[in-house]
């Protein structure tokens, strides 16, 4: 189905908000990229499920969290982008050091709620700049822990509108990857930690925050870690070793502060950012023989691609 036919298609009725040709640049950390054919912000789970069930099966669907590890290409994203709002951002304490967290809840909210409840082991989520839905899908991690270490189960809505509850082993987690099907939306997840005093939890969260502030360009328009760490290697060290610290292409730059981060210096297109990443990959391959894999998700049509 072409972009024109998707825009002309009759969309199912919704109780939430459905917007055609919705700009995505304001919703992602890089502040670049094109529009979504349609942006759907469902009122609740029933609204999301009914919409997907009624939507033409040929229309692609993509979930969007905080857009912190994402390049939206300049030609925009085909089909429907689903963005979970406040109705999906609740965090509820469970027995046995558990938390049930909506897919739209941020890592900061989850870790802070865990602290207040005296639940340790979830502090690392404080450093993942995204939502529960996003870091469950990609097995997000930092500071020695990953989502797979704390996840019990998650509820998803499939592209068909069907709801499922999946246990940990159903996700097929590997490094920064899950086997969730295309178009599935994570609407909630249950995490489990261990008993800990809130002061100890806060101290660990403070340590993580200070480490991030010291080493990462958090106040820039960036997209988080650009490349996956190869086995036994650090991506930043390979990038640095290939002479790419501070490298500029168009309006994009390799961060001087942390070489596994790319930065929009102000007017970068998504094409600039992606091309810079590919140039870094080429130089690292030439220098060390290592083929870096993208960690940042790149979605949508390139600027010159036909609709």
Protein backbone atom coordinates (compact mmCIF):
# COMPACT_ATOMS: atom_id res chain seq x y z
CA UNK A 1 0.00 0.00 0.00
CA UNK A 2 1.46 3.38 -1.02
CA UNK A 3 1.69 6.42 1.22
CA UNK A 4 -1.10 8.12 -0.74
CA UNK A 5 -3.42 5.14 -0.40
CA UNK A 6 -2.67 4.84 3.32
CA UNK A 7 -3.53 8.51 3.82
CA UNK A 8 -6.69 8.15 1.72
CA UNK A 9 -7.75 4.92 3.44
CA UNK A 10 -10.64 5.00 5.86
CA UNK A 11 -9.15 4.74 9.32
CA UNK A 12 -11.03 2.89 12.08
CA UNK A 13 -12.89 5.02 14.62
CA UNK A 14 -10.87 5.77 17.75
CA UNK A 15 -11.50 7.28 21.17
CA UNK A 16 -7.94 8.56 21.42
CA UNK A 17 -6.18 10.90 18.99
CA UNK A 18 -5.41 10.04 15.36
CA UNK A 19 -3.38 12.56 13.33
CA UNK A 20 -2.45 12.42 9.63
CA UNK A 21 0.99 13.60 8.44
CA UNK A 22 2.16 14.03 12.02
CA UNK A 23 5.67 15.51 12.48
CA UNK A 24 7.89 13.09 14.37
CA UNK A 25 11.02 15.25 14.79
CA UNK A 26 9.64 16.95 17.94
CA UNK A 27 9.00 13.52 19.47
CA UNK A 28 12.50 12.06 19.08
CA UNK A 29 15.78 13.00 20.74
CA UNK A 30 17.63 13.80 17.53
CA UNK A 31 14.93 16.37 16.61
CA UNK A 32 15.18 15.37 12.96
CA UNK A 33 13.23 13.34 10.45
CA UNK A 34 9.94 13.32 8.59
CA UNK A 35 6.29 12.74 9.40
CA UNK A 36 4.24 9.69 10.26
CA UNK A 37 1.51 8.90 7.73
CA UNK A 38 -0.67 8.53 10.83
CA UNK A 39 0.10 9.03 14.53
CA UNK A 40 -2.24 7.19 16.91
CA UNK A 41 -2.33 7.99 20.61
CA UNK A 42 -4.83 5.49 22.06
CA UNK A 43 -7.07 6.36 25.00
CA UNK A 44 -6.62 2.94 26.59
CA UNK A 45 -5.86 -0.70 25.81
CA UNK A 46 -9.34 -1.38 24.42
CA UNK A 47 -8.96 1.57 22.05
CA UNK A 48 -5.59 0.27 20.82
CA UNK A 49 -6.77 -3.31 20.43
CA UNK A 50 -9.94 -2.39 18.55
CA UNK A 51 -8.06 -0.02 16.23
CA UNK A 52 -5.44 -2.60 15.27
CA UNK A 53 -8.07 -5.30 14.78
CA UNK A 54 -10.01 -3.05 12.37
CA UNK A 55 -6.98 -1.59 10.56
CA UNK A 56 -6.23 -2.89 7.06
CA UNK A 57 -3.66 -5.68 7.63
CA UNK A 58 -1.43 -4.24 4.87
CA UNK A 59 -0.83 -1.01 6.82
CA UNK A 60 2.44 -1.21 8.80
CA UNK A 61 2.42 -0.33 12.51
CA UNK A 62 5.32 0.88 14.66
CA UNK A 63 5.35 1.75 18.36
CA UNK A 64 7.16 4.92 19.48
CA UNK A 65 8.32 5.56 23.03
CA UNK A 66 10.46 8.55 23.96
CA UNK A 67 12.34 8.32 20.67
CA UNK A 68 15.66 8.24 22.48
CA UNK A 69 17.37 5.54 20.44
CA UNK A 70 15.82 6.21 17.06
CA UNK A 71 16.60 7.81 13.71
CA UNK A 72 13.42 8.74 11.84
CA UNK A 73 14.45 9.08 8.21
CA UNK A 74 13.63 12.29 6.37
CA UNK A 75 10.97 10.73 4.14
CA UNK A 76 8.85 9.86 7.17
CA UNK A 77 7.40 6.62 8.51
CA UNK A 78 4.84 4.64 6.49
CA UNK A 79 1.61 3.47 8.05
CA UNK A 80 0.67 4.10 11.65
CA UNK A 81 2.96 5.11 14.50
CA UNK A 82 1.48 4.24 17.92
CA UNK A 83 2.50 6.42 20.86
CA UNK A 84 1.39 5.42 24.35
CA UNK A 85 0.44 8.34 26.60
CA UNK A 86 -0.40 8.87 30.26
CA UNK A 87 -3.00 6.09 30.33
CA UNK A 88 -0.11 3.66 29.80
CA UNK A 89 2.35 5.26 32.23
CA UNK A 90 1.11 3.86 35.55
CA UNK A 91 3.39 1.89 37.88
CA UNK A 92 1.84 -0.39 40.50
CA UNK A 93 3.56 -2.21 43.36
CA UNK A 94 3.02 -5.98 43.55
CA UNK A 95 3.81 -8.55 46.27
CA UNK A 96 7.23 -10.21 46.35
CA UNK A 97 9.18 -7.12 45.26
CA UNK A 98 7.36 -6.74 41.96
CA UNK A 99 6.22 -3.77 39.91
CA UNK A 100 3.66 -3.78 37.13
CA UNK A 101 4.56 -0.96 34.75
CA UNK A 102 2.64 0.50 31.83
CA UNK A 103 4.34 0.44 28.44
CA UNK A 104 4.48 4.23 28.41
CA UNK A 105 6.19 4.56 31.81
CA UNK A 106 9.72 5.96 31.77
CA UNK A 107 12.76 4.23 33.23
CA UNK A 108 13.08 7.12 35.68
CA UNK A 109 9.53 6.61 36.96
CA UNK A 110 10.00 2.84 37.32
CA UNK A 111 13.28 3.13 39.22
CA UNK A 112 11.97 5.92 41.47
CA UNK A 113 8.83 3.92 42.31
CA UNK A 114 11.02 0.90 43.08
CA UNK A 115 13.14 3.04 45.42
CA UNK A 116 10.11 4.33 47.29
CA UNK A 117 8.85 0.76 47.67
CA UNK A 118 12.21 -0.54 48.90
CA UNK A 119 12.76 -2.69 45.81
CA UNK A 120 16.40 -2.96 44.72
CA UNK A 121 17.87 -4.24 41.48
CA UNK A 122 16.00 -1.88 39.15
CA UNK A 123 18.30 1.11 39.59
CA UNK A 124 19.86 0.63 36.13
CA UNK A 125 16.51 1.47 34.52
CA UNK A 126 17.17 5.04 35.69
CA UNK A 127 19.86 5.27 33.03
CA UNK A 128 17.81 3.95 30.09
CA UNK A 129 16.30 7.03 28.44
CA UNK A 130 13.14 5.40 27.17
CA UNK A 131 9.83 3.80 28.06
CA UNK A 132 9.02 0.32 29.32
CA UNK A 133 7.64 -0.72 25.93
CA UNK A 134 10.83 0.31 24.17
CA UNK A 135 13.36 -1.20 26.51
CA UNK A 136 11.43 -4.47 26.80
CA UNK A 137 11.37 -4.78 23.01
CA UNK A 138 15.12 -4.20 22.68
CA UNK A 139 16.27 -5.77 25.97
CA UNK A 140 17.65 -2.42 27.07
CA UNK A 141 20.48 -2.42 29.56
CA UNK A 142 23.22 -0.45 31.24
CA UNK A 143 25.76 -0.72 34.05
CA UNK A 144 25.93 -4.50 33.94
CA UNK A 145 22.22 -5.34 33.87
CA UNK A 146 19.58 -5.92 31.19
CA UNK A 147 15.80 -6.06 31.09
CA UNK A 148 15.96 -9.85 30.83
CA UNK A 149 17.50 -9.92 34.33
CA UNK A 150 14.42 -8.35 35.95
CA UNK A 151 11.46 -9.08 33.64
CA UNK A 152 8.83 -11.58 34.79
CA UNK A 153 6.23 -11.18 32.04
CA UNK A 154 4.74 -8.60 29.71
CA UNK A 155 1.39 -7.91 28.08
CA UNK A 156 1.37 -7.10 24.38
CA UNK A 157 -1.16 -6.25 21.71
CA UNK A 158 -0.36 -7.96 18.42
CA UNK A 159 -0.75 -6.28 15.03
CA UNK A 160 -4.06 -8.17 14.72
CA UNK A 161 -5.39 -6.52 17.89
CA UNK A 162 -5.11 -9.75 19.88
CA UNK A 163 -3.80 -9.40 23.42
CA UNK A 164 -1.25 -11.81 24.84
CA UNK A 165 0.66 -12.21 28.09
CA UNK A 166 4.18 -13.47 27.49
CA UNK A 167 6.53 -14.97 30.07
CA UNK A 168 10.22 -14.06 30.05
CA UNK A 169 11.33 -17.05 27.98
CA UNK A 170 8.90 -16.17 25.16
CA UNK A 171 10.88 -13.03 24.26
CA UNK A 172 13.98 -14.81 22.95
CA UNK A 173 16.16 -12.08 24.43
CA UNK A 174 19.69 -11.60 23.18
CA UNK A 175 21.94 -8.53 23.38
CA UNK A 176 19.71 -5.51 22.60
CA UNK A 177 17.17 -7.70 20.82
CA UNK A 178 13.94 -9.61 21.35
CA UNK A 179 11.88 -11.83 19.08
CA UNK A 180 8.69 -9.77 19.46
CA UNK A 181 6.75 -9.84 16.19
CA UNK A 182 6.57 -6.81 13.89
CA UNK A 183 3.79 -4.40 14.83
CA UNK A 184 3.35 -5.75 18.36
CA UNK A 185 2.98 -3.11 21.10
CA UNK A 186 4.15 -3.75 24.67
CA UNK A 187 1.39 -2.32 26.88
CA UNK A 188 2.74 -3.39 30.29
CA UNK A 189 5.53 -5.36 31.93
CA UNK A 190 6.13 -6.87 35.35
CA UNK A 191 9.60 -6.52 36.85
CA UNK A 192 10.94 -8.12 40.02
CA UNK A 193 13.78 -6.94 42.26
CA UNK A 194 14.86 -7.68 45.80
CA UNK A 195 14.31 -6.01 49.19
CA UNK A 196 16.61 -3.06 49.79
CA UNK A 197 16.58 0.08 51.90
CA UNK A 198 15.59 3.19 49.90
CA UNK A 199 18.74 5.07 50.91
CA UNK A 200 20.95 2.38 49.37
CA UNK A 201 18.85 2.39 46.21
CA UNK A 202 19.07 6.18 45.97
CA UNK A 203 22.82 6.08 46.42
CA UNK A 204 23.15 3.65 43.49
CA UNK A 205 20.83 5.80 41.35
CA UNK A 206 22.94 8.86 42.19
CA UNK A 207 26.09 6.97 41.23
CA UNK A 208 24.60 5.97 37.88
CA UNK A 209 23.34 9.51 37.20
CA UNK A 210 26.74 11.02 37.98
CA UNK A 211 28.50 8.50 35.75
CA UNK A 212 26.16 9.27 32.84
CA UNK A 213 26.50 13.02 33.31
CA UNK A 214 30.28 12.76 33.36
CA UNK A 215 30.64 10.55 30.30
CA UNK A 216 27.68 11.18 27.96
CA UNK A 217 26.49 14.25 26.00
CA UNK A 218 23.11 14.28 27.76
CA UNK A 219 22.35 17.92 27.01
CA UNK A 220 22.79 17.52 23.26
CA UNK A 221 20.36 16.39 20.56
CA UNK A 222 21.56 12.81 20.44
CA UNK A 223 20.27 9.28 20.20
CA UNK A 224 21.96 7.26 22.90
CA UNK A 225 24.43 4.49 22.17
CA UNK A 226 24.88 4.30 18.41
CA UNK A 227 26.55 0.90 17.99
CA UNK A 228 26.35 -2.38 19.85
CA UNK A 229 29.45 -3.46 21.75
CA UNK A 230 31.07 -6.32 19.81
CA UNK A 231 32.06 -9.42 21.81
CA UNK A 232 35.00 -8.51 24.02
CA UNK A 233 35.20 -4.96 22.67
CA UNK A 234 33.84 -1.51 23.46
CA UNK A 235 32.26 0.30 20.51
CA UNK A 236 33.43 3.71 21.73
CA UNK A 237 37.05 2.55 21.88
CA UNK A 238 36.92 1.18 18.32
CA UNK A 239 35.39 4.45 17.08
CA UNK A 240 38.00 6.47 18.92
CA UNK A 241 40.79 4.23 17.64
CA UNK A 242 39.63 4.82 14.09
CA UNK A 243 40.12 8.58 14.55
CA UNK A 244 36.43 9.45 14.52
CA UNK A 245 36.17 11.53 17.72
CA UNK A 246 34.62 14.87 16.70
CA UNK A 247 34.14 13.77 13.06
CA UNK A 248 31.57 15.98 11.27
CA UNK A 249 29.32 15.24 8.30
CA UNK A 250 26.77 17.89 7.37
CA UNK A 251 25.10 18.96 10.58
CA UNK A 252 26.00 15.78 12.46
CA UNK A 253 29.03 15.06 14.65
CA UNK A 254 30.58 12.18 16.56
CA UNK A 255 30.52 13.34 20.18
CA UNK A 256 33.82 14.59 21.58
CA UNK A 257 32.64 13.48 25.03
CA UNK A 258 31.59 9.90 24.18
CA UNK A 259 32.47 8.53 20.75
CA UNK A 260 29.57 6.04 20.67
CA UNK A 261 27.15 8.98 20.54
CA UNK A 262 26.19 10.98 17.46
CA UNK A 263 24.98 14.56 17.82
CA UNK A 264 22.70 16.83 15.82
CA UNK A 265 24.65 20.09 16.03
CA UNK A 266 21.55 22.08 15.17
CA UNK A 267 20.40 21.62 11.61
CA UNK A 268 21.35 18.02 10.81
CA UNK A 269 19.04 15.97 8.65
CA UNK A 270 18.48 12.35 9.54
CA UNK A 271 20.38 11.54 6.35
CA UNK A 272 23.38 13.43 7.77
CA UNK A 273 23.21 11.46 11.01
CA UNK A 274 22.82 8.07 9.36
CA UNK A 275 25.54 8.80 6.78
CA UNK A 276 27.91 9.82 9.56
CA UNK A 277 27.20 6.54 11.33
CA UNK A 278 27.94 4.59 8.15
CA UNK A 279 31.18 6.53 7.65
CA UNK A 280 32.20 5.64 11.21
CA UNK A 281 31.40 1.98 10.52
CA UNK A 282 33.55 2.10 7.36
CA UNK A 283 36.52 3.65 9.16
CA UNK A 284 36.30 1.21 12.07
CA UNK A 285 36.16 -1.72 9.63
CA UNK A 286 39.21 -0.40 7.78
CA UNK A 287 41.16 0.21 11.00
CA UNK A 288 40.29 -2.82 13.13
CA UNK A 289 38.47 -5.27 10.88
CA UNK A 290 35.40 -5.11 13.14
CA UNK A 291 31.97 -4.53 11.57
CA UNK A 292 30.02 -2.44 14.06
CA UNK A 293 26.28 -3.14 14.25
CA UNK A 294 23.79 -0.32 14.71
CA UNK A 295 22.13 -0.19 18.12
CA UNK A 296 20.04 2.85 17.19
CA UNK A 297 16.90 1.83 15.34
CA UNK A 298 16.58 3.48 11.92
CA UNK A 299 13.05 3.64 10.53
CA UNK A 300 11.11 5.08 7.63
CA UNK A 301 11.75 6.26 4.09
CA UNK A 302 14.88 8.09 2.99
CA UNK A 303 14.29 11.67 1.87
CA UNK A 304 14.39 10.90 -1.83
CA UNK A 305 12.44 7.67 -1.68
CA UNK A 306 9.21 7.52 -3.58
CA UNK A 307 6.06 7.40 -1.50
